[in-house]
Amino acid sequence: MLERDDIKAIRTQLGESQAAFAQRFGVDQATVHRWEKKGLPKRGTARVAVENLLDDLEQPAEAAQ
């Protein structure tokens, strides 16, 4: 389950600002800021999209093992 710290870690791993990360998901920068402070919504398209991105980021690491 994604925690609020995970959102910032994912964004940092990608080397993206909050604004760039927001653009990736079609939301504004304030929404990303809120995700990093309070966490993602418990359900919905934003949560699914960020979870899918996390899965995509983890797959190359798993394939290397």
Protein backbone atom coordinates (compact mmCIF):
# COMPACT_ATOMS: atom_id res chain seq x y z
CA MET A 1 0.00 0.00 0.00
CA LEU A 2 1.36 3.39 -0.97
CA GLU A 3 2.14 5.84 1.79
CA ARG A 4 2.58 9.58 1.38
CA ASP A 5 6.38 9.25 1.60
CA ASP A 6 6.26 6.81 -1.33
CA ILE A 7 4.80 9.49 -3.60
CA LYS A 8 7.73 11.82 -3.03
CA ALA A 9 10.18 8.94 -3.37
CA ILE A 10 8.70 7.94 -6.74
CA ARG A 11 8.75 11.54 -7.95
CA THR A 12 12.34 11.99 -6.79
CA GLN A 13 13.40 8.72 -8.45
CA LEU A 14 11.98 10.06 -11.71
CA GLY A 15 13.76 13.38 -11.20
CA GLU A 16 10.54 15.31 -11.61
CA SER A 17 9.28 18.44 -9.92
CA GLN A 18 5.84 18.41 -8.38
CA ALA A 19 4.61 20.32 -11.42
CA ALA A 20 6.05 17.80 -13.89
CA PHE A 21 4.72 14.88 -11.86
CA ALA A 22 1.31 16.55 -11.78
CA GLN A 23 1.33 16.99 -15.54
CA ARG A 24 2.05 13.25 -15.94
CA PHE A 25 -1.27 12.51 -14.20
CA GLY A 26 -3.32 15.41 -15.49
CA VAL A 27 -3.64 17.11 -12.10
CA ASP A 28 -2.29 20.38 -10.76
CA GLN A 29 0.82 20.84 -8.63
CA ALA A 30 -1.28 21.48 -5.51
CA THR A 31 -2.74 17.98 -5.86
CA VAL A 32 0.72 16.39 -5.89
CA HIS A 33 1.65 18.50 -2.88
CA ARG A 34 -1.47 17.22 -1.10
CA TRP A 35 -0.62 13.61 -2.03
CA GLU A 36 2.84 14.07 -0.52
CA LYS A 37 1.44 15.57 2.68
CA LYS A 38 -1.73 13.52 3.19
CA GLY A 39 -1.35 10.51 0.88
CA LEU A 40 -3.26 9.37 -2.16
CA PRO A 41 -7.01 8.94 -2.10
CA LYS A 42 -7.98 5.47 -0.84
CA ARG A 43 -9.44 4.64 -4.27
CA GLY A 44 -9.90 6.13 -7.68
CA THR A 45 -8.04 6.71 -10.91
CA ALA A 46 -5.20 8.70 -9.33
CA ARG A 47 -4.35 5.87 -6.96
CA VAL A 48 -4.47 3.29 -9.76
CA ALA A 49 -2.29 5.43 -12.03
CA VAL A 50 0.37 6.01 -9.37
CA GLU A 51 0.33 2.33 -8.35
CA ASN A 52 0.77 1.34 -12.01
CA LEU A 53 3.71 3.72 -12.32
CA LEU A 54 5.27 2.20 -9.20
CA ASP A 55 4.82 -1.29 -10.67
CA ASP A 56 6.49 -0.15 -13.91
CA LEU A 57 9.43 1.30 -11.97
CA GLU A 58 9.87 -1.90 -9.94
CA GLN A 59 9.75 -4.31 -12.90
CA PRO A 60 13.19 -3.47 -14.34
CA ALA A 61 14.73 -4.03 -10.91
CA GLU A 62 12.98 -7.39 -10.60
CA ALA A 63 14.10 -8.44 -14.09
CA ALA A 64 17.73 -7.73 -13.19
CA GLN A 65 17.63 -10.21 -10.32
